[in-house]
């Protein structure tokens, strides 16, 4: 079942590329993080692939234009292992968490309706989640189709 705009985003806890657990609800207002942050939740197929590297490098380079660092948190999710994500983060100098949806394989992507069962990996799905945990914007692209970061910027400006 796909997550739609207006739905409360399903909570999850995944390990980042350092092995640290990251919980989506920790970014809600009054949550573990305190003030709350809007979350740009980016599902992508695989680390080290060309389109994924291009998309995440663009996010890395343009992160300051997405909003105040105190207000916006990018979380990038794939089915890769934590160890592969660590090598990729080190290589590309990503400063936002890369989360491993490795086991149960693609479980979080499945809950969001962006898991390709045949290929065993996530589609290119992005969900912008406000500080109350509500999905305010989403896009799901086919695996070969890169997303437009300008759309993220517009969606965040509307929150």
C-alpha atoms as a PDB file:
ATOM      1  CA  UNK A   1       0.000   0.000   0.000  1.00  0.00           C
ATOM      2  CA  UNK A   2       1.502   3.322  -1.065  1.00  0.00           C
ATOM      3  CA  UNK A   3       1.913   6.258   1.282  1.00  0.00           C
ATOM      4  CA  UNK A   4       0.035   9.292  -0.032  1.00  0.00           C
ATOM      5  CA  UNK A   5       0.160  13.047   0.573  1.00  0.00           C
ATOM      6  CA  UNK A   6      -1.779  13.782   3.762  1.00  0.00           C
ATOM      7  CA  UNK A   7      -0.953  10.423   5.374  1.00  0.00           C
ATOM      8  CA  UNK A   8       1.057  10.193   8.562  1.00  0.00           C
ATOM      9  CA  UNK A   9       4.430   8.852   7.450  1.00  0.00           C
ATOM     10  CA  UNK A  10       5.075   5.315   8.698  1.00  0.00           C
ATOM     11  CA  UNK A  11       7.693   5.425  11.418  1.00  0.00           C
ATOM     12  CA  UNK A  12      10.843   3.369  11.038  1.00  0.00           C
ATOM     13  CA  UNK A  13      14.239   2.897  12.582  1.00  0.00           C
ATOM     14  CA  UNK A  14      17.192   2.056  10.346  1.00  0.00           C
ATOM     15  CA  UNK A  15      20.949   2.130  10.896  1.00  0.00           C
ATOM     16  CA  UNK A  16      22.914   4.817   9.142  1.00  0.00           C
ATOM     17  CA  UNK A  17      26.259   4.305   7.401  1.00  0.00           C
ATOM     18  CA  UNK A  18      28.004   4.521  10.799  1.00  0.00           C
ATOM     19  CA  UNK A  19      25.729   1.923  12.407  1.00  0.00           C
ATOM     20  CA  UNK A  20      23.806   4.526  14.415  1.00  0.00           C
ATOM     21  CA  UNK A  21      20.048   3.929  14.630  1.00  0.00           C
ATOM     22  CA  UNK A  22      17.973   6.719  13.090  1.00  0.00           C
ATOM     23  CA  UNK A  23      14.240   6.923  13.842  1.00  0.00           C
ATOM     24  CA  UNK A  24      11.972   9.002  11.614  1.00  0.00           C
ATOM     25  CA  UNK A  25       9.780  10.059  14.545  1.00  0.00           C
ATOM     26  CA  UNK A  26      12.877  11.578  16.178  1.00  0.00           C
ATOM     27  CA  UNK A  27      12.515  14.520  13.786  1.00  0.00           C
ATOM     28  CA  UNK A  28       8.927  15.335  14.784  1.00  0.00           C
ATOM     29  CA  UNK A  29       8.160  18.417  16.839  1.00  0.00           C
ATOM     30  CA  UNK A  30       8.344  17.397  20.470  1.00  0.00           C
ATOM     31  CA  UNK A  31      10.050  14.129  19.516  1.00  0.00           C
ATOM     32  CA  UNK A  32      13.494  12.905  20.524  1.00  0.00           C
ATOM     33  CA  UNK A  33      15.084  15.755  18.551  1.00  0.00           C
ATOM     34  CA  UNK A  34      13.031  18.460  20.264  1.00  0.00           C
ATOM     35  CA  UNK A  35      12.017  21.266  17.887  1.00  0.00           C
ATOM     36  CA  UNK A  36      11.316  19.078  14.880  1.00  0.00           C
ATOM     37  CA  UNK A  37      12.595  19.141  11.316  1.00  0.00           C
ATOM     38  CA  UNK A  38      10.990  18.706   7.933  1.00  0.00           C
ATOM     39  CA  UNK A  39      12.373  15.490   6.444  1.00  0.00           C
ATOM     40  CA  UNK A  40      13.287  14.881   2.818  1.00  0.00           C
ATOM     41  CA  UNK A  41      13.072  11.083   2.692  1.00  0.00           C
ATOM     42  CA  UNK A  42      14.838   9.873  -0.449  1.00  0.00           C
ATOM     43  CA  UNK A  43      14.621   6.232  -1.525  1.00  0.00           C
ATOM     44  CA  UNK A  44      17.096   5.218  -4.239  1.00  0.00           C
ATOM     45  CA  UNK A  45      17.969   1.886  -5.896  1.00  0.00           C
ATOM     46  CA  UNK A  46      21.662   1.248  -5.214  1.00  0.00           C
ATOM     47  CA  UNK A  47      24.815   2.928  -3.949  1.00  0.00           C
ATOM     48  CA  UNK A  48      27.610   3.518  -6.451  1.00  0.00           C
ATOM     49  CA  UNK A  49      25.253   3.523  -9.458  1.00  0.00           C
ATOM     50  CA  UNK A  50      25.452   6.442 -11.866  1.00  0.00           C
ATOM     51  CA  UNK A  51      22.023   8.059 -11.496  1.00  0.00           C
ATOM     52  CA  UNK A  52      21.974   7.535  -7.709  1.00  0.00           C
ATOM     53  CA  UNK A  53      25.416   9.094  -7.331  1.00  0.00           C
ATOM     54  CA  UNK A  54      24.350  12.050  -9.470  1.00  0.00           C
ATOM     55  CA  UNK A  55      21.170  12.605  -7.462  1.00  0.00           C
ATOM     56  CA  UNK A  56      22.787  12.347  -4.039  1.00  0.00           C
ATOM     57  CA  UNK A  57      25.771  14.492  -5.059  1.00  0.00           C
ATOM     58  CA  UNK A  58      23.322  17.156  -6.218  1.00  0.00           C
ATOM     59  CA  UNK A  59      21.552  16.967  -2.849  1.00  0.00           C
ATOM     60  CA  UNK A  60      24.962  17.165  -1.112  1.00  0.00           C
ATOM     61  CA  UNK A  61      25.961  20.214  -3.146  1.00  0.00           C
ATOM     62  CA  UNK A  62      22.617  22.007  -2.933  1.00  0.00           C
ATOM     63  CA  UNK A  63      21.605  21.039   0.593  1.00  0.00           C
ATOM     64  CA  UNK A  64      21.972  24.614   1.906  1.00  0.00           C
ATOM     65  CA  UNK A  65      19.410  25.795  -0.674  1.00  0.00           C
ATOM     66  CA  UNK A  66      16.781  23.317   0.552  1.00  0.00           C
ATOM     67  CA  UNK A  67      16.283  25.209   3.799  1.00  0.00           C
ATOM     68  CA  UNK A  68      17.894  26.034   7.093  1.00  0.00           C
ATOM     69  CA  UNK A  69      19.937  23.128   8.467  1.00  0.00           C
ATOM     70  CA  UNK A  70      17.953  23.521  11.699  1.00  0.00           C
ATOM     71  CA  UNK A  71      14.688  22.969   9.777  1.00  0.00           C
ATOM     72  CA  UNK A  72      15.425  20.321   7.121  1.00  0.00           C
ATOM     73  CA  UNK A  73      16.894  16.818   7.411  1.00  0.00           C
ATOM     74  CA  UNK A  74      17.708  14.632   4.406  1.00  0.00           C
ATOM     75  CA  UNK A  75      17.494  10.870   4.971  1.00  0.00           C
ATOM     76  CA  UNK A  76      18.562   8.676   2.037  1.00  0.00           C
ATOM     77  CA  UNK A  77      17.466   5.018   2.057  1.00  0.00           C
ATOM     78  CA  UNK A  78      18.551   2.012  -0.010  1.00  0.00           C
ATOM     79  CA  UNK A  79      18.725  -1.766   0.378  1.00  0.00           C
ATOM     80  CA  UNK A  80      22.542  -1.647   0.488  1.00  0.00           C
ATOM     81  CA  UNK A  81      24.405  -2.868   3.554  1.00  0.00           C
ATOM     82  CA  UNK A  82      25.661  -0.391   6.101  1.00  0.00           C
ATOM     83  CA  UNK A  83      29.232  -1.210   5.038  1.00  0.00           C
ATOM     84  CA  UNK A  84      28.629  -0.408   1.361  1.00  0.00           C
ATOM     85  CA  UNK A  85      26.904   2.820   2.377  1.00  0.00           C
ATOM     86  CA  UNK A  86      29.860   3.800   4.561  1.00  0.00           C
ATOM     87  CA  UNK A  87      32.314   3.316   1.693  1.00  0.00           C
ATOM     88  CA  UNK A  88      30.064   5.320  -0.646  1.00  0.00           C
ATOM     89  CA  UNK A  89      29.521   8.132   1.904  1.00  0.00           C
ATOM     90  CA  UNK A  90      33.268   8.379   2.479  1.00  0.00           C
ATOM     91  CA  UNK A  91      33.991   8.404  -1.261  1.00  0.00           C
ATOM     92  CA  UNK A  92      31.357  11.051  -2.084  1.00  0.00           C
ATOM     93  CA  UNK A  93      31.595  13.010   1.197  1.00  0.00           C
ATOM     94  CA  UNK A  94      27.878  12.814   1.965  1.00  0.00           C
ATOM     95  CA  UNK A  95      27.049  14.697   5.166  1.00  0.00           C
ATOM     96  CA  UNK A  96      23.494  13.386   5.581  1.00  0.00           C
ATOM     97  CA  UNK A  97      22.556   9.911   6.830  1.00  0.00           C
ATOM     98  CA  UNK A  98      22.524   7.034   4.352  1.00  0.00           C
ATOM     99  CA  UNK A  99      20.157   4.481   5.867  1.00  0.00           C
ATOM    100  CA  UNK A 100      20.373   0.745   5.265  1.00  0.00           C
ATOM    101  CA  UNK A 101      17.058  -0.972   4.472  1.00  0.00           C
ATOM    102  CA  UNK A 102      19.020  -4.207   4.124  1.00  0.00           C
ATOM    103  CA  UNK A 103      17.081  -6.429   6.529  1.00  0.00           C
ATOM    104  CA  UNK A 104      14.323  -7.228   6.448  1.00  0.00           C
ATOM    105  CA  UNK A 105      15.209  -6.644   2.815  1.00  0.00           C
ATOM    106  CA  UNK A 106      13.489  -3.460   1.631  1.00  0.00           C
ATOM    107  CA  UNK A 107      11.034  -3.509   4.526  1.00  0.00           C
ATOM    108  CA  UNK A 108      10.824   0.269   4.852  1.00  0.00           C
ATOM    109  CA  UNK A 109      10.597   0.808   1.085  1.00  0.00           C
ATOM    110  CA  UNK A 110       7.762  -1.741   1.044  1.00  0.00           C
ATOM    111  CA  UNK A 111       5.879   0.169   3.756  1.00  0.00           C
ATOM    112  CA  UNK A 112       6.145   3.328   1.647  1.00  0.00           C
ATOM    113  CA  UNK A 113       5.057   1.531  -1.540  1.00  0.00           C
ATOM    114  CA  UNK A 114       8.328   2.130  -3.398  1.00  0.00           C
ATOM    115  CA  UNK A 115       9.864  -1.355  -3.447  1.00  0.00           C
ATOM    116  CA  UNK A 116      10.306  -3.193  -6.744  1.00  0.00           C
ATOM    117  CA  UNK A 117       9.702  -6.835  -5.750  1.00  0.00           C
ATOM    118  CA  UNK A 118      11.069  -8.175  -9.037  1.00  0.00           C
ATOM    119  CA  UNK A 119      14.401  -6.349  -8.832  1.00  0.00           C
ATOM    120  CA  UNK A 120      14.670  -6.366  -5.039  1.00  0.00           C
ATOM    121  CA  UNK A 121      15.375  -2.661  -4.652  1.00  0.00           C
ATOM    122  CA  UNK A 122      13.688   0.684  -4.125  1.00  0.00           C
ATOM    123  CA  UNK A 123      12.224   2.870  -6.820  1.00  0.00           C
ATOM    124  CA  UNK A 124      13.202   6.541  -6.859  1.00  0.00           C
ATOM    125  CA  UNK A 125      10.674   7.749  -4.312  1.00  0.00           C
ATOM    126  CA  UNK A 126      10.886  10.984  -2.359  1.00  0.00           C
ATOM    127  CA  UNK A 127       8.578  11.982   0.488  1.00  0.00           C
ATOM    128  CA  UNK A 128       8.671  15.374   2.176  1.00  0.00           C
ATOM    129  CA  UNK A 129       7.426  14.987   5.725  1.00  0.00           C
ATOM    130  CA  UNK A 130       6.584  17.941   7.958  1.00  0.00           C
ATOM    131  CA  UNK A 131       7.439  18.371  11.631  1.00  0.00           C
ATOM    132  CA  UNK A 132       4.149  16.717  12.624  1.00  0.00           C
ATOM    133  CA  UNK A 133       5.039  13.581  10.637  1.00  0.00           C
ATOM    134  CA  UNK A 134       2.576  14.213   7.793  1.00  0.00           C
ATOM    135  CA  UNK A 135       3.571  13.587   4.165  1.00  0.00           C
ATOM    136  CA  UNK A 136       3.241  16.953   2.442  1.00  0.00           C
ATOM    137  CA  UNK A 137       4.672  16.052  -0.992  1.00  0.00           C
ATOM    138  CA  UNK A 138       5.821  12.961  -2.849  1.00  0.00           C
ATOM    139  CA  UNK A 139       7.150  11.790  -6.166  1.00  0.00           C
ATOM    140  CA  UNK A 140       7.944   8.285  -7.377  1.00  0.00           C
ATOM    141  CA  UNK A 141      10.041   7.855 -10.504  1.00  0.00           C
ATOM    142  CA  UNK A 142      11.020   4.731 -12.377  1.00  0.00           C
ATOM    143  CA  UNK A 143      14.484   3.386 -11.604  1.00  0.00           C
ATOM    144  CA  UNK A 144      16.282   5.053 -14.560  1.00  0.00           C
ATOM    145  CA  UNK A 145      14.583   8.469 -14.127  1.00  0.00           C
ATOM    146  CA  UNK A 146      16.387  11.021 -11.951  1.00  0.00           C
ATOM    147  CA  UNK A 147      14.389  13.416  -9.790  1.00  0.00           C
ATOM    148  CA  UNK A 148      14.497  17.211  -9.972  1.00  0.00           C
ATOM    149  CA  UNK A 149      15.872  18.795  -6.796  1.00  0.00           C
ATOM    150  CA  UNK A 150      14.089  22.051  -7.664  1.00  0.00           C
ATOM    151  CA  UNK A 151      10.834  20.242  -6.897  1.00  0.00           C
ATOM    152  CA  UNK A 152      12.112  19.477  -3.379  1.00  0.00           C
ATOM    153  CA  UNK A 153      12.937  23.145  -2.894  1.00  0.00           C
ATOM    154  CA  UNK A 154       9.449  24.243  -4.018  1.00  0.00           C
ATOM    155  CA  UNK A 155       7.720  21.671  -1.819  1.00  0.00           C
ATOM    156  CA  UNK A 156       9.745  22.677   1.252  1.00  0.00           C
ATOM    157  CA  UNK A 157       9.047  26.358   0.616  1.00  0.00           C
ATOM    158  CA  UNK A 158       5.324  25.550   0.724  1.00  0.00           C
ATOM    159  CA  UNK A 159       5.475  24.070   4.238  1.00  0.00           C
END
